[in-house]
Amino acid sequence: MSTLKANTVQTDTIQSTGGGAATLTKQSAAKAWINFSNSPNPPVIQGSFNVSALTDDGPEIQFNLTSAMADAFFAPVGSGGGATLGNPANRNLAMNALSTTKVDTELYTTSNAQTTGHCYGGVLGDLA
């Protein structure tokens, strides 16, 4: 393993030796993130990184990771908001790692599953 030091004043691009994007492994950085709305059917991804698709499974929505995690013991984290942007309604996004490539989510208020809202999630851990 080597150490790369870069000047952050300039806008530089770091590439792998093969010329593609450098892969972050064994680093403390989010390996995936997603912003999606669960109110249309099917749900719609508003923005994402390392996420390939959403699956609507009743009150739960699953998202697939493009690049697999090292194991299923990574940390998915998330939060939720109201049905319209700018509405920070008291909502929680429950998240669970289902496999190295799939995360299950469910949006809640105090005790009830919600069918409308904006969801924000991230994945922390090591890539495979």
N, C-alpha and C. Protein backbone atom coordinates (compact mmCIF):
# COMPACT_ATOMS: atom_id res chain seq x y z
N MET A 1 0.84 -1.16 0.00
CA MET A 1 0.00 0.00 0.00
C MET A 1 0.89 1.23 0.00
N SER A 2 0.48 2.24 -0.73
CA SER A 2 1.25 3.48 -0.78
C SER A 2 0.39 4.62 -0.26
N THR A 3 1.02 5.72 0.06
CA THR A 3 0.33 6.90 0.54
C THR A 3 0.40 7.97 -0.52
N LEU A 4 -0.73 8.57 -0.83
CA LEU A 4 -0.81 9.63 -1.81
C LEU A 4 -1.11 10.93 -1.08
N LYS A 5 -0.30 11.94 -1.32
CA LYS A 5 -0.53 13.26 -0.74
C LYS A 5 -0.83 14.21 -1.87
N ALA A 6 -1.87 15.03 -1.70
CA ALA A 6 -2.28 15.95 -2.76
C ALA A 6 -2.50 17.34 -2.19
N ASN A 7 -2.24 18.34 -3.00
CA ASN A 7 -2.50 19.72 -2.65
C ASN A 7 -3.97 19.99 -2.89
N THR A 8 -4.72 20.38 -1.85
CA THR A 8 -6.16 20.57 -1.99
C THR A 8 -6.53 21.96 -2.46
N VAL A 9 -5.56 22.83 -2.73
CA VAL A 9 -5.84 24.18 -3.20
C VAL A 9 -6.30 24.12 -4.66
N GLN A 10 -5.71 23.24 -5.43
CA GLN A 10 -6.06 23.11 -6.83
C GLN A 10 -7.16 22.09 -7.01
N THR A 11 -7.84 22.15 -8.13
CA THR A 11 -8.84 21.16 -8.46
C THR A 11 -8.15 20.07 -9.27
N ASP A 12 -7.77 18.99 -8.59
CA ASP A 12 -7.06 17.88 -9.22
C ASP A 12 -7.96 16.66 -9.29
N THR A 13 -7.69 15.78 -10.20
CA THR A 13 -8.38 14.51 -10.31
C THR A 13 -7.41 13.40 -9.96
N ILE A 14 -7.82 12.52 -9.08
CA ILE A 14 -6.99 11.37 -8.72
C ILE A 14 -7.55 10.17 -9.45
N GLN A 15 -6.70 9.47 -10.20
CA GLN A 15 -7.12 8.30 -10.96
C GLN A 15 -6.36 7.07 -10.50
N SER A 16 -6.95 5.92 -10.79
CA SER A 16 -6.24 4.67 -10.53
C SER A 16 -5.14 4.51 -11.56
N THR A 17 -4.24 3.56 -11.36
CA THR A 17 -3.16 3.35 -12.32
C THR A 17 -3.70 2.93 -13.68
N GLY A 18 -4.92 2.38 -13.72
CA GLY A 18 -5.54 2.00 -14.99
C GLY A 18 -6.21 3.16 -15.69
N GLY A 19 -6.25 4.33 -15.05
CA GLY A 19 -6.82 5.51 -15.68
C GLY A 19 -8.23 5.83 -15.25
N GLY A 20 -8.90 4.95 -14.52
CA GLY A 20 -10.26 5.21 -14.07
C GLY A 20 -10.28 5.91 -12.72
N ALA A 21 -11.47 6.02 -12.16
CA ALA A 21 -11.63 6.66 -10.86
C ALA A 21 -10.96 5.81 -9.78
N ALA A 22 -10.33 6.46 -8.82
CA ALA A 22 -9.71 5.76 -7.70
C ALA A 22 -10.81 5.22 -6.79
N THR A 23 -10.66 4.00 -6.30
CA THR A 23 -11.63 3.37 -5.44
C THR A 23 -11.22 3.56 -3.98
N LEU A 24 -12.16 4.01 -3.16
CA LEU A 24 -11.89 4.19 -1.74
C LEU A 24 -12.18 2.89 -1.01
N THR A 25 -11.16 2.23 -0.54
CA THR A 25 -11.31 1.06 0.31
C THR A 25 -10.54 1.32 1.59
N LYS A 26 -11.00 0.75 2.68
CA LYS A 26 -10.34 0.92 3.98
C LYS A 26 -10.20 2.40 4.34
N GLN A 27 -11.15 3.21 3.89
CA GLN A 27 -11.15 4.64 4.18
C GLN A 27 -12.43 4.99 4.94
N SER A 28 -12.39 6.06 5.71
CA SER A 28 -13.56 6.51 6.45
C SER A 28 -14.33 7.53 5.60
N ALA A 29 -14.96 7.06 4.58
CA ALA A 29 -15.77 7.91 3.71
C ALA A 29 -17.03 7.13 3.34
N ALA A 30 -18.10 7.84 3.04
CA ALA A 30 -19.33 7.17 2.63
C ALA A 30 -19.06 6.40 1.34
N LYS A 31 -19.49 5.16 1.29
CA LYS A 31 -19.28 4.33 0.10
C LYS A 31 -20.49 4.39 -0.83
N ALA A 32 -21.60 4.92 -0.32
CA ALA A 32 -22.80 5.13 -1.14
C ALA A 32 -23.67 6.16 -0.45
N TRP A 33 -24.50 6.86 -1.23
CA TRP A 33 -25.52 7.73 -0.67
C TRP A 33 -26.69 7.78 -1.64
N ILE A 34 -27.86 8.11 -1.11
CA ILE A 34 -29.06 8.19 -1.94
C ILE A 34 -30.01 9.23 -1.37
N ASN A 35 -30.69 9.92 -2.26
CA ASN A 35 -31.78 10.83 -1.93
C ASN A 35 -32.93 10.37 -2.82
N PHE A 36 -34.03 9.90 -2.20
CA PHE A 36 -35.16 9.45 -3.00
C PHE A 36 -36.48 9.84 -2.36
N SER A 37 -37.50 9.91 -3.19
CA SER A 37 -38.85 10.18 -2.73
C SER A 37 -39.61 8.87 -2.77
N ASN A 38 -40.31 8.54 -1.69
CA ASN A 38 -41.05 7.28 -1.69
C ASN A 38 -42.53 7.48 -2.03
N SER A 39 -42.94 8.69 -2.42
CA SER A 39 -44.35 8.92 -2.70
C SER A 39 -44.81 8.52 -4.10
N PRO A 40 -44.05 8.62 -5.17
CA PRO A 40 -44.55 8.07 -6.44
C PRO A 40 -44.39 6.55 -6.43
N ASN A 41 -45.13 5.91 -7.28
CA ASN A 41 -45.00 4.45 -7.39
C ASN A 41 -44.62 4.13 -8.81
N PRO A 42 -43.44 3.67 -9.13
CA PRO A 42 -42.38 3.31 -8.21
C PRO A 42 -41.66 4.53 -7.66
N PRO A 43 -40.93 4.38 -6.53
CA PRO A 43 -40.17 5.49 -5.95
C PRO A 43 -39.13 6.00 -6.94
N VAL A 44 -38.74 7.26 -6.75
CA VAL A 44 -37.83 7.92 -7.68
C VAL A 44 -36.54 8.34 -6.98
N ILE A 45 -35.39 7.98 -7.57
CA ILE A 45 -34.09 8.44 -7.07
C ILE A 45 -33.89 9.89 -7.51
N GLN A 46 -33.67 10.77 -6.54
CA GLN A 46 -33.40 12.18 -6.84
C GLN A 46 -31.92 12.42 -7.11
N GLY A 47 -31.06 11.67 -6.43
CA GLY A 47 -29.62 11.76 -6.59
C GLY A 47 -29.00 10.58 -5.86
N SER A 48 -27.82 10.14 -6.31
CA SER A 48 -27.20 8.99 -5.65
C SER A 48 -25.75 8.83 -6.08
N PHE A 49 -25.05 8.01 -5.30
CA PHE A 49 -23.70 7.58 -5.62
C PHE A 49 -23.58 6.12 -5.23
N ASN A 50 -23.13 5.27 -6.12
CA ASN A 50 -22.95 3.83 -5.90
C ASN A 50 -24.28 3.13 -5.61
N VAL A 51 -25.37 3.63 -6.17
CA VAL A 51 -26.69 3.00 -6.05
C VAL A 51 -27.21 2.75 -7.46
N SER A 52 -27.64 1.50 -7.72
CA SER A 52 -28.07 1.16 -9.08
C SER A 52 -29.58 1.17 -9.27
N ALA A 53 -30.37 0.87 -8.23
CA ALA A 53 -31.82 0.78 -8.43
C ALA A 53 -32.55 0.77 -7.10
N LEU A 54 -33.85 1.10 -7.16
CA LEU A 54 -34.76 1.00 -6.02
C LEU A 54 -35.78 -0.09 -6.31
N THR A 55 -36.21 -0.81 -5.26
CA THR A 55 -37.28 -1.80 -5.37
C THR A 55 -38.34 -1.47 -4.33
N ASP A 56 -39.58 -1.26 -4.78
CA ASP A 56 -40.68 -0.98 -3.87
C ASP A 56 -41.25 -2.31 -3.39
N ASP A 57 -41.15 -2.56 -2.10
CA ASP A 57 -41.62 -3.82 -1.52
C ASP A 57 -42.63 -3.51 -0.42
N GLY A 58 -43.79 -2.94 -0.82
CA GLY A 58 -44.81 -2.55 0.15
C GLY A 58 -44.37 -1.31 0.89
N PRO A 59 -44.44 -1.30 2.23
CA PRO A 59 -44.00 -0.11 2.96
C PRO A 59 -42.48 0.03 2.96
N GLU A 60 -41.78 -1.04 2.61
CA GLU A 60 -40.32 -1.01 2.58
C GLU A 60 -39.82 -0.74 1.17
N ILE A 61 -38.71 -0.01 1.10
CA ILE A 61 -38.06 0.24 -0.19
C ILE A 61 -36.62 -0.21 -0.05
N GLN A 62 -36.17 -1.00 -0.99
CA GLN A 62 -34.80 -1.51 -0.97
C GLN A 62 -34.00 -0.82 -2.05
N PHE A 63 -32.73 -0.53 -1.75
CA PHE A 63 -31.86 -0.02 -2.81
C PHE A 63 -30.65 -0.91 -2.94
N ASN A 64 -30.22 -1.06 -4.20
CA ASN A 64 -29.10 -1.93 -4.56
C ASN A 64 -27.83 -1.11 -4.73
N LEU A 65 -26.75 -1.62 -4.18
CA LEU A 65 -25.45 -0.97 -4.33
C LEU A 65 -24.78 -1.44 -5.61
N THR A 66 -24.18 -0.52 -6.34
CA THR A 66 -23.46 -0.86 -7.56
C THR A 66 -22.21 -1.68 -7.24
N SER A 67 -21.43 -1.23 -6.25
CA SER A 67 -20.24 -1.95 -5.80
C SER A 67 -20.53 -2.57 -4.45
N ALA A 68 -20.20 -3.85 -4.29
CA ALA A 68 -20.51 -4.58 -3.06
C ALA A 68 -19.65 -4.12 -1.89
N MET A 69 -20.22 -4.27 -0.71
CA MET A 69 -19.49 -4.02 0.52
C MET A 69 -18.69 -5.28 0.86
N ALA A 70 -17.69 -5.17 1.75
CA ALA A 70 -16.83 -6.30 2.10
C ALA A 70 -17.61 -7.40 2.81
N ASP A 71 -18.61 -7.04 3.60
CA ASP A 71 -19.46 -8.01 4.28
C ASP A 71 -20.79 -7.33 4.58
N ALA A 72 -21.73 -8.04 5.18
CA ALA A 72 -23.05 -7.48 5.46
C ALA A 72 -23.10 -6.77 6.82
N PHE A 73 -21.95 -6.46 7.40
CA PHE A 73 -21.90 -5.79 8.70
C PHE A 73 -21.51 -4.32 8.57
N PHE A 74 -21.86 -3.70 7.43
CA PHE A 74 -21.61 -2.28 7.25
C PHE A 74 -22.71 -1.48 7.96
N ALA A 75 -22.55 -0.17 8.00
CA ALA A 75 -23.49 0.69 8.72
C ALA A 75 -24.31 1.54 7.76
N PRO A 76 -25.56 1.15 7.50
CA PRO A 76 -26.45 2.03 6.73
C PRO A 76 -27.04 3.08 7.67
N VAL A 77 -27.05 4.33 7.26
CA VAL A 77 -27.58 5.42 8.08
C VAL A 77 -28.55 6.24 7.23
N GLY A 78 -29.57 6.80 7.86
CA GLY A 78 -30.52 7.57 7.08
C GLY A 78 -31.40 8.48 7.91
N SER A 79 -32.13 9.32 7.20
CA SER A 79 -33.12 10.20 7.81
C SER A 79 -34.23 10.43 6.80
N GLY A 80 -35.33 10.96 7.29
CA GLY A 80 -36.47 11.20 6.41
C GLY A 80 -37.09 12.55 6.67
N GLY A 81 -37.79 13.04 5.67
CA GLY A 81 -38.49 14.32 5.79
C GLY A 81 -39.91 14.19 5.32
N GLY A 82 -40.61 15.29 5.32
CA GLY A 82 -42.01 15.31 4.92
C GLY A 82 -42.20 15.06 3.43
N ALA A 83 -43.48 15.07 3.02
CA ALA A 83 -43.82 14.76 1.64
C ALA A 83 -43.38 15.84 0.66
N THR A 84 -43.14 17.06 1.15
CA THR A 84 -42.67 18.13 0.27
C THR A 84 -41.31 18.60 0.76
N LEU A 85 -40.49 19.04 -0.17
CA LEU A 85 -39.17 19.57 0.21
C LEU A 85 -39.37 20.78 1.11
N GLY A 86 -38.53 20.94 2.09
CA GLY A 86 -38.65 22.05 3.02
C GLY A 86 -39.55 21.74 4.19
N ASN A 87 -40.18 20.57 4.21
CA ASN A 87 -41.03 20.15 5.32
C ASN A 87 -40.25 19.14 6.15
N PRO A 88 -39.65 19.56 7.26
CA PRO A 88 -38.80 18.65 8.04
C PRO A 88 -39.59 17.80 9.02
N ALA A 89 -40.77 17.35 8.62
CA ALA A 89 -41.64 16.57 9.51
C ALA A 89 -40.84 15.54 10.29
N ASN A 90 -41.31 15.24 11.48
CA ASN A 90 -40.63 14.31 12.38
C ASN A 90 -40.73 12.89 11.84
N ARG A 91 -39.75 12.51 11.02
CA ARG A 91 -39.76 11.17 10.43
C ARG A 91 -38.39 10.54 10.59
N ASN A 92 -38.40 9.24 10.73
CA ASN A 92 -37.17 8.46 10.84
C ASN A 92 -37.11 7.49 9.68
N LEU A 93 -35.92 7.23 9.19
CA LEU A 93 -35.73 6.24 8.14
C LEU A 93 -35.01 5.05 8.76
N ALA A 94 -35.74 3.96 8.96
CA ALA A 94 -35.13 2.74 9.47
C ALA A 94 -34.39 2.07 8.32
N MET A 95 -33.15 1.66 8.56
CA MET A 95 -32.34 1.04 7.51
C MET A 95 -31.71 -0.24 8.04
N ASN A 96 -31.62 -1.24 7.16
CA ASN A 96 -31.06 -2.53 7.55
C ASN A 96 -30.27 -3.10 6.37
N ALA A 97 -29.06 -3.58 6.64
CA ALA A 97 -28.26 -4.23 5.60
C ALA A 97 -28.83 -5.63 5.37
N LEU A 98 -29.27 -5.91 4.14
CA LEU A 98 -29.82 -7.22 3.80
C LEU A 98 -28.76 -8.17 3.26
N SER A 99 -27.78 -7.60 2.59
CA SER A 99 -26.68 -8.38 2.00
C SER A 99 -25.55 -7.40 1.72
N THR A 100 -24.51 -7.83 1.05
CA THR A 100 -23.40 -6.93 0.73
C THR A 100 -23.78 -5.93 -0.36
N THR A 101 -24.93 -6.12 -1.02
CA THR A 101 -25.33 -5.23 -2.10
C THR A 101 -26.74 -4.68 -1.96
N LYS A 102 -27.42 -4.89 -0.85
CA LYS A 102 -28.81 -4.45 -0.72
C LYS A 102 -29.09 -3.89 0.66
N VAL A 103 -29.80 -2.74 0.68
CA VAL A 103 -30.20 -2.09 1.93
C VAL A 103 -31.72 -1.94 1.92
N ASP A 104 -32.34 -2.26 3.04
CA ASP A 104 -33.79 -2.16 3.21
C ASP A 104 -34.09 -0.89 3.99
N THR A 105 -35.09 -0.12 3.58
CA THR A 105 -35.47 1.10 4.27
C THR A 105 -36.97 1.12 4.53
N GLU A 106 -37.36 1.82 5.59
CA GLU A 106 -38.78 2.06 5.86
C GLU A 106 -38.89 3.40 6.59
N LEU A 107 -39.77 4.27 6.09
CA LEU A 107 -39.95 5.61 6.63
C LEU A 107 -41.06 5.58 7.68
N TYR A 108 -40.77 6.14 8.86
CA TYR A 108 -41.71 6.13 9.98
C TYR A 108 -41.92 7.52 10.55
N THR A 109 -43.12 7.75 11.12
CA THR A 109 -43.31 8.84 12.08
C THR A 109 -43.12 8.16 13.43
N THR A 110 -43.72 8.66 14.47
CA THR A 110 -43.50 8.09 15.79
C THR A 110 -43.71 6.59 15.82
N SER A 111 -44.79 6.09 15.23
CA SER A 111 -45.04 4.65 15.27
C SER A 111 -45.65 4.09 14.00
N ASN A 112 -45.89 4.92 13.00
CA ASN A 112 -46.57 4.45 11.80
C ASN A 112 -45.69 4.52 10.56
N ALA A 113 -45.77 3.49 9.73
CA ALA A 113 -45.06 3.52 8.45
C ALA A 113 -45.68 4.61 7.58
N GLN A 114 -44.86 5.30 6.81
CA GLN A 114 -45.31 6.39 5.95
C GLN A 114 -45.16 6.02 4.48
N THR A 115 -46.12 6.44 3.68
CA THR A 115 -46.05 6.16 2.25
C THR A 115 -45.62 7.38 1.46
N THR A 116 -45.47 8.53 2.11
CA THR A 116 -44.98 9.71 1.41
C THR A 116 -43.87 10.36 2.21
N GLY A 117 -42.86 10.80 1.53
CA GLY A 117 -41.77 11.50 2.19
C GLY A 117 -40.49 11.43 1.39
N HIS A 118 -39.54 12.24 1.79
CA HIS A 118 -38.22 12.23 1.18
C HIS A 118 -37.28 11.47 2.09
N CYS A 119 -36.43 10.63 1.51
CA CYS A 119 -35.54 9.77 2.27
C CYS A 119 -34.10 10.04 1.87
N TYR A 120 -33.21 10.04 2.87
CA TYR A 120 -31.81 10.32 2.65
C TYR A 120 -31.01 9.24 3.35
N GLY A 121 -30.17 8.54 2.62
CA GLY A 121 -29.42 7.45 3.22
C GLY A 121 -27.97 7.43 2.79
N GLY A 122 -27.15 6.81 3.62
CA GLY A 122 -25.74 6.63 3.31
C GLY A 122 -25.27 5.28 3.79
N VAL A 123 -24.14 4.84 3.27
CA VAL A 123 -23.57 3.54 3.65
C VAL A 123 -22.12 3.77 4.04
N LEU A 124 -21.78 3.33 5.26
CA LEU A 124 -20.43 3.43 5.77
C LEU A 124 -19.87 2.04 5.99
N GLY A 125 -18.61 1.84 5.69
CA GLY A 125 -17.97 0.54 5.83
C GLY A 125 -16.92 0.37 4.74
N ASP A 126 -16.47 -0.86 4.56
CA ASP A 126 -15.43 -1.15 3.57
C ASP A 126 -16.01 -1.81 2.33
N LEU A 127 -15.55 -1.38 1.17
CA LEU A 127 -15.94 -2.03 -0.08
C LEU A 127 -15.22 -3.36 -0.20
N ALA A 128 -15.81 -4.26 -0.97
CA ALA A 128 -15.19 -5.58 -1.20
C ALA A 128 -13.91 -5.43 -1.98
